[in-house]
Amino acid sequence: MTVPLVAVEKPYRRKRTASFDIAARPDAVFAMMCPVREYEWEPGWLTNLILSESGLAEEDCIFTTPAGASFASDEGSAEAIWVTPFYDPEKRRLTMIKVTPKECVTRLDIAVDETDDGASVTASYEHTALSAKGRIIVDAHTEQSYAALMTGWREALSASLA
């Protein structure tokens, strides 16, 4: 059997992880980690298709975001497809995979834990480039930009859940 020539490259990626506390019930915070509920707290959030049995976030939920959409986490990328391969509301854990064809694959892991004063949110974004444009996205995923993203999440979620 002849194996076709396939490009094999070392991944060009960057991962950032941060945590923040919020004075809200952990279950209420986790419920906001949903493509439908995100409209309640993420400024400019926009989806154009959500495939969900329940109408909310769930395992195997698939949704798309339009080209040119500009969110705090991603400035103006191409149309993207998001898949939620892991969703555990009892443990308040989820994973979303965002595929922006010919640009980047992004893995988002979110955990919401109970604290004495409310909840602690830990979010990790890992971007892997698929192209030269994807490398620009990875390079823009700096400590400063990620800190700003997490500050925005904390402020927006706090305001929404107040």
Protein backbone atom coordinates (compact mmCIF):
# COMPACT_ATOMS: atom_id res chain seq x y z
CA MET A 1 0.00 0.00 0.00
CA THR A 2 1.36 3.40 -0.95
CA VAL A 3 0.85 6.16 1.57
CA PRO A 4 0.24 9.57 -0.01
CA LEU A 5 2.60 12.37 0.89
CA VAL A 6 1.16 14.25 3.83
CA ALA A 7 2.62 17.33 5.46
CA VAL A 8 3.54 16.64 9.07
CA GLU A 9 4.54 19.67 11.09
CA LYS A 10 5.15 20.54 14.69
CA PRO A 11 2.04 22.38 15.95
CA TYR A 12 2.29 26.16 16.25
CA ARG A 13 0.17 26.81 19.32
CA ARG A 14 -0.17 28.74 22.52
CA LYS A 15 -2.22 28.03 25.62
CA ARG A 16 -3.29 30.53 28.26
CA THR A 17 -5.07 29.73 31.51
CA ALA A 18 -6.49 32.12 34.08
CA SER A 19 -8.90 32.07 37.00
CA PHE A 20 -11.08 34.69 38.58
CA ASP A 21 -13.58 34.81 41.42
CA ILE A 22 -17.13 36.05 41.10
CA ALA A 23 -19.76 36.68 43.77
CA ALA A 24 -22.45 34.46 42.26
CA ARG A 25 -23.72 30.92 42.65
CA PRO A 26 -21.48 28.46 40.75
CA ASP A 27 -24.44 26.83 38.97
CA ALA A 28 -25.65 30.24 37.77
CA VAL A 29 -22.17 31.09 36.47
CA PHE A 30 -21.81 27.74 34.70
CA ALA A 31 -25.22 28.15 33.05
CA MET A 32 -23.92 31.30 31.34
CA MET A 33 -21.26 29.22 29.50
CA CYS A 34 -23.67 28.56 26.66
CA PRO A 35 -24.00 29.95 23.12
CA VAL A 36 -27.58 31.03 23.88
CA ARG A 37 -27.01 32.42 27.39
CA GLU A 38 -23.84 34.20 26.24
CA TYR A 39 -26.09 36.82 24.65
CA GLU A 40 -26.91 37.89 28.23
CA TRP A 41 -23.34 38.85 29.10
CA GLU A 42 -20.90 38.91 26.15
CA PRO A 43 -21.02 42.29 24.37
CA GLY A 44 -21.37 41.77 20.62
CA TRP A 45 -21.90 38.00 20.86
CA LEU A 46 -23.41 36.65 17.67
CA THR A 47 -24.20 33.17 16.39
CA ASN A 48 -25.92 32.22 13.16
CA LEU A 49 -26.82 28.57 13.87
CA ILE A 50 -27.16 26.53 17.05
CA LEU A 51 -27.78 22.76 16.91
CA SER A 52 -28.96 21.64 20.33
CA GLU A 53 -31.53 19.14 21.57
CA SER A 54 -32.24 21.24 24.68
CA GLY A 55 -31.89 24.68 23.10
CA LEU A 56 -28.93 25.40 25.40
CA ALA A 57 -25.37 24.17 25.88
CA GLU A 58 -25.06 20.41 26.07
CA GLU A 59 -22.66 17.68 25.01
CA ASP A 60 -22.40 17.58 21.21
CA CYS A 61 -23.97 21.02 20.84
CA ILE A 62 -22.73 22.60 17.60
CA PHE A 63 -22.96 26.26 16.70
CA THR A 64 -21.44 28.68 14.24
CA THR A 65 -20.30 32.26 14.48
CA PRO A 66 -20.29 34.48 11.40
CA ALA A 67 -17.32 35.84 9.48
CA GLY A 68 -16.19 39.19 10.78
CA ALA A 69 -17.69 38.61 14.21
CA SER A 70 -15.60 40.45 16.75
CA PHE A 71 -15.63 39.18 20.30
CA ALA A 72 -13.30 40.05 23.14
CA SER A 73 -11.56 36.70 22.59
CA ASP A 74 -11.15 36.84 18.83
CA GLU A 75 -10.98 39.95 16.69
CA GLY A 76 -12.72 39.51 13.36
CA SER A 77 -11.96 35.96 12.21
CA ALA A 78 -13.60 33.97 9.43
CA GLU A 79 -16.80 32.00 9.97
CA ALA A 80 -16.18 29.43 12.69
CA ILE A 81 -17.71 26.12 13.72
CA TRP A 82 -17.87 25.33 17.45
CA VAL A 83 -18.44 21.86 18.93
CA THR A 84 -18.96 20.96 22.58
CA PRO A 85 -17.50 17.44 22.90
CA PHE A 86 -17.57 17.50 26.70
CA TYR A 87 -20.25 18.99 28.95
CA ASP A 88 -20.70 18.02 32.61
CA PRO A 89 -23.11 20.34 34.45
CA GLU A 90 -22.84 18.35 37.71
CA LYS A 91 -19.11 19.01 37.93
CA ARG A 92 -19.49 22.34 36.08
CA ARG A 93 -16.93 21.48 33.39
CA LEU A 94 -17.05 21.87 29.63
CA THR A 95 -14.85 21.83 26.56
CA MET A 96 -15.56 23.65 23.32
CA ILE A 97 -13.57 23.27 20.12
CA LYS A 98 -13.68 26.15 17.64
CA VAL A 99 -12.57 25.45 14.07
CA THR A 100 -11.90 28.42 11.84
CA PRO A 101 -11.08 26.70 8.53
CA LYS A 102 -7.72 27.65 7.01
CA GLU A 103 -6.91 29.71 10.12
CA CYS A 104 -6.94 28.15 13.55
CA VAL A 105 -8.31 25.47 15.87
CA THR A 106 -9.08 26.67 19.38
CA ARG A 107 -9.79 24.54 22.44
CA LEU A 108 -11.64 26.20 25.31
CA ASP A 109 -11.84 24.43 28.67
CA ILE A 110 -13.98 25.96 31.42
CA ALA A 111 -14.34 24.89 35.05
CA VAL A 112 -16.53 26.60 37.64
CA ASP A 113 -15.87 25.73 41.28
CA GLU A 114 -17.59 26.75 44.50
CA THR A 115 -15.79 29.14 46.85
CA ASP A 116 -16.74 30.62 50.22
CA ASP A 117 -17.87 33.82 48.49
CA GLY A 118 -19.39 32.40 45.30
CA ALA A 119 -17.56 30.86 42.36
CA SER A 120 -14.13 30.55 40.85
CA VAL A 121 -13.96 30.35 37.05
CA THR A 122 -10.93 28.81 35.34
CA ALA A 123 -10.72 29.15 31.58
CA SER A 124 -8.04 27.87 29.22
CA TYR A 125 -7.78 28.85 25.57
CA GLU A 126 -5.37 26.94 23.36
CA HIS A 127 -4.95 28.20 19.79
CA THR A 128 -3.28 26.05 17.12
CA ALA A 129 -2.46 27.61 13.75
CA LEU A 130 -3.53 26.00 10.48
CA SER A 131 -1.90 28.64 8.28
CA ALA A 132 0.11 31.85 8.26
CA LYS A 133 -3.05 33.75 9.25
CA GLY A 134 -3.50 31.27 12.09
CA ARG A 135 0.02 32.03 13.30
CA ILE A 136 -1.00 35.68 13.58
CA ILE A 137 -3.96 34.63 15.76
CA VAL A 138 -1.68 32.47 17.93
CA ASP A 139 0.85 35.30 18.25
CA ALA A 140 -1.90 37.71 19.30
CA HIS A 141 -2.82 35.37 22.17
CA THR A 142 -0.49 37.17 24.61
CA GLU A 143 -0.55 37.21 28.39
CA GLN A 144 -1.79 40.81 28.26
CA SER A 145 -4.61 40.10 25.81
CA TYR A 146 -5.66 37.05 27.81
CA ALA A 147 -5.66 38.97 31.09
CA ALA A 148 -7.87 41.60 29.42
CA LEU A 149 -10.20 38.88 28.12
CA MET A 150 -10.59 37.35 31.58
CA THR A 151 -11.14 40.78 33.15
CA GLY A 152 -13.87 41.37 30.59
CA TRP A 153 -15.46 38.00 31.37
CA ARG A 154 -15.41 38.70 35.13
CA GLU A 155 -16.90 42.19 34.74
CA ALA A 156 -19.57 41.13 32.24
CA LEU A 157 -20.59 38.03 34.20
CA SER A 158 -20.67 39.98 37.47
CA ALA A 159 -22.90 42.65 35.95
CA SER A 160 -25.21 40.08 34.38
CA LEU A 161 -25.52 37.96 37.53
CA ALA A 162 -25.83 40.87 40.00
